[in-house]
């Protein structure tokens, strides 16, 4: 088991909700030593993926009222999670529940970081919007910068 897990949450058949899986496919070559997971946001699966890790990074589409394509970084226990981000993510309920359960069961990773891209389109259909597509390389660079120091 790697010290780092990157967990993509999303549905590639709901346009920008597929940003997590799209990032994960790019990370396979950038971070081969990291455990990569594509999940649906169900709380117990999240706990299983991040328990015992030094760092877990969750990647999802997050609505926080910013320009489409904006990258958001939230570290659990350090940053205040803005209410619009919680209410706007299609998977936020699962993530919020997972964090609460993990805290109660002492199963949080040492660090848990959420990276999200502000979506332009969460409608049905495959493919990212142009805003999410342009933001994807920057998102991947942010994740690599977060994870690489722990990959030894």
Protein backbone atom coordinates (compact mmCIF):
# COMPACT_ATOMS: atom_id res chain seq x y z
CA UNK A 1 0.00 0.00 0.00
CA UNK A 2 1.33 3.39 -1.04
CA UNK A 3 1.55 6.27 1.45
CA UNK A 4 -0.55 8.30 -1.01
CA UNK A 5 -3.94 7.64 -2.55
CA UNK A 6 -5.61 9.75 -5.21
CA UNK A 7 -9.35 9.16 -5.33
CA UNK A 8 -11.33 10.35 -8.33
CA UNK A 9 -15.04 10.84 -7.69
CA UNK A 10 -17.30 11.47 -10.60
CA UNK A 11 -19.27 10.31 -13.57
CA UNK A 12 -17.64 10.70 -16.99
CA UNK A 13 -21.13 10.61 -18.58
CA UNK A 14 -22.14 13.88 -16.89
CA UNK A 15 -19.67 16.18 -18.68
CA UNK A 16 -17.58 18.08 -16.06
CA UNK A 17 -18.51 15.60 -13.33
CA UNK A 18 -15.96 13.42 -15.14
CA UNK A 19 -13.06 15.71 -14.23
CA UNK A 20 -11.89 13.32 -11.47
CA UNK A 21 -11.66 10.28 -13.74
CA UNK A 22 -10.03 12.42 -16.47
CA UNK A 23 -7.37 13.61 -14.00
CA UNK A 24 -6.82 10.05 -12.82
CA UNK A 25 -6.05 8.83 -16.32
CA UNK A 26 -3.36 11.54 -16.64
CA UNK A 27 -1.94 10.72 -13.20
CA UNK A 28 -1.31 7.07 -14.09
CA UNK A 29 1.87 8.11 -15.91
CA UNK A 30 2.74 11.08 -13.67
CA UNK A 31 2.49 9.21 -10.35
CA UNK A 32 2.89 5.47 -11.01
CA UNK A 33 3.90 4.86 -7.37
CA UNK A 34 0.59 6.22 -6.00
CA UNK A 35 -2.55 4.14 -5.45
CA UNK A 36 -5.29 5.46 -7.74
CA UNK A 37 -9.00 4.86 -7.21
CA UNK A 38 -12.08 5.77 -9.24
CA UNK A 39 -15.08 5.78 -6.88
CA UNK A 40 -18.68 6.93 -6.82
CA UNK A 41 -18.42 8.88 -3.55
CA UNK A 42 -20.02 6.22 -1.34
CA UNK A 43 -18.64 6.85 2.18
CA UNK A 44 -17.39 3.37 3.12
CA UNK A 45 -15.50 3.03 -0.17
CA UNK A 46 -13.82 6.37 0.49
CA UNK A 47 -12.80 5.24 3.99
CA UNK A 48 -11.38 1.99 2.64
CA UNK A 49 -9.34 3.89 0.02
CA UNK A 50 -7.80 6.46 2.37
CA UNK A 51 -7.40 4.63 5.71
CA UNK A 52 -3.76 4.30 6.74
CA UNK A 53 -2.47 6.82 4.17
CA UNK A 54 -0.14 9.71 4.87
CA UNK A 55 -2.03 11.67 2.20
CA UNK A 56 -5.32 11.12 0.42
CA UNK A 57 -6.34 13.44 -2.41
CA UNK A 58 -9.97 13.45 -3.53
CA UNK A 59 -10.68 14.94 -6.97
CA UNK A 60 -14.18 16.01 -8.00
CA UNK A 61 -16.22 18.73 -9.66
CA UNK A 62 -17.07 21.36 -7.03
CA UNK A 63 -19.51 24.25 -7.36
CA UNK A 64 -18.30 27.16 -5.24
CA UNK A 65 -19.58 30.06 -7.34
CA UNK A 66 -16.29 30.71 -9.15
CA UNK A 67 -15.57 30.93 -12.86
CA UNK A 68 -15.88 27.56 -14.65
CA UNK A 69 -12.49 25.88 -14.72
CA UNK A 70 -11.35 27.43 -11.42
CA UNK A 71 -9.33 25.02 -9.29
CA UNK A 72 -10.24 24.72 -5.61
CA UNK A 73 -8.05 23.18 -2.89
CA UNK A 74 -9.47 22.36 0.52
CA UNK A 75 -7.52 20.54 3.22
CA UNK A 76 -9.72 18.85 5.81
CA UNK A 77 -8.92 20.07 9.30
CA UNK A 78 -7.04 23.11 7.98
CA UNK A 79 -9.39 24.98 5.64
CA UNK A 80 -12.98 25.96 6.17
CA UNK A 81 -15.10 24.25 3.55
CA UNK A 82 -17.26 26.90 1.90
CA UNK A 83 -20.99 26.10 2.06
CA UNK A 84 -21.50 26.50 -1.70
CA UNK A 85 -18.85 23.85 -2.35
CA UNK A 86 -20.61 21.42 -0.04
CA UNK A 87 -24.02 22.09 -1.54
CA UNK A 88 -22.82 22.20 -5.13
CA UNK A 89 -20.83 18.99 -5.45
CA UNK A 90 -22.80 16.07 -6.76
CA UNK A 91 -20.88 13.87 -4.31
CA UNK A 92 -20.41 16.20 -1.34
CA UNK A 93 -22.87 14.41 0.90
CA UNK A 94 -20.83 11.23 0.56
CA UNK A 95 -17.57 13.04 1.23
CA UNK A 96 -18.94 14.95 4.24
CA UNK A 97 -20.39 11.73 5.68
CA UNK A 98 -17.15 9.85 5.02
CA UNK A 99 -15.08 12.49 6.84
CA UNK A 100 -17.46 12.44 9.83
CA UNK A 101 -17.43 8.64 10.05
CA UNK A 102 -13.66 8.48 9.54
CA UNK A 103 -13.15 11.00 12.34
CA UNK A 104 -15.38 9.00 14.69
CA UNK A 105 -13.60 5.74 13.82
CA UNK A 106 -10.11 7.27 13.75
CA UNK A 107 -9.76 6.34 10.05
CA UNK A 108 -8.82 9.68 8.53
CA UNK A 109 -5.54 9.77 6.64
CA UNK A 110 -2.81 11.98 8.11
CA UNK A 111 -3.79 14.60 5.50
CA UNK A 112 -6.93 14.73 3.36
CA UNK A 113 -7.02 17.22 0.50
CA UNK A 114 -9.92 17.89 -1.87
CA UNK A 115 -9.13 19.28 -5.30
CA UNK A 116 -12.07 20.39 -7.37
CA UNK A 117 -12.69 22.11 -10.65
CA UNK A 118 -15.59 24.51 -10.96
CA UNK A 119 -17.81 22.88 -13.59
CA UNK A 120 -19.43 24.60 -16.54
CA UNK A 121 -21.71 21.69 -17.47
CA UNK A 122 -22.99 18.80 -15.33
CA UNK A 123 -25.62 17.69 -17.84
CA UNK A 124 -25.80 14.25 -19.39
CA UNK A 125 -23.18 13.40 -21.98
CA UNK A 126 -19.54 12.45 -22.32
CA UNK A 127 -16.63 14.88 -22.56
CA UNK A 128 -15.49 17.83 -20.48
CA UNK A 129 -16.42 21.44 -21.20
CA UNK A 130 -13.70 23.60 -22.72
CA UNK A 131 -13.23 25.34 -19.34
CA UNK A 132 -12.67 22.04 -17.50
CA UNK A 133 -10.47 20.72 -20.32
CA UNK A 134 -8.23 23.82 -20.09
CA UNK A 135 -8.02 23.52 -16.29
CA UNK A 136 -7.18 19.80 -16.27
CA UNK A 137 -3.37 20.07 -16.80
CA UNK A 138 -3.13 22.63 -13.97
CA UNK A 139 -5.19 20.40 -11.70
CA UNK A 140 -2.90 17.46 -12.44
CA UNK A 141 0.19 19.62 -11.70
CA UNK A 142 -1.36 20.61 -8.33
CA UNK A 143 -2.03 16.98 -7.41
CA UNK A 144 1.48 15.90 -8.44
CA UNK A 145 3.02 18.74 -6.39
CA UNK A 146 0.95 17.65 -3.37
CA UNK A 147 1.75 13.94 -3.69
CA UNK A 148 5.30 13.73 -5.01
CA UNK A 149 7.10 14.75 -1.78
CA UNK A 150 5.55 11.73 -0.03
CA UNK A 151 6.48 9.27 -2.76
CA UNK A 152 9.76 7.69 -1.79
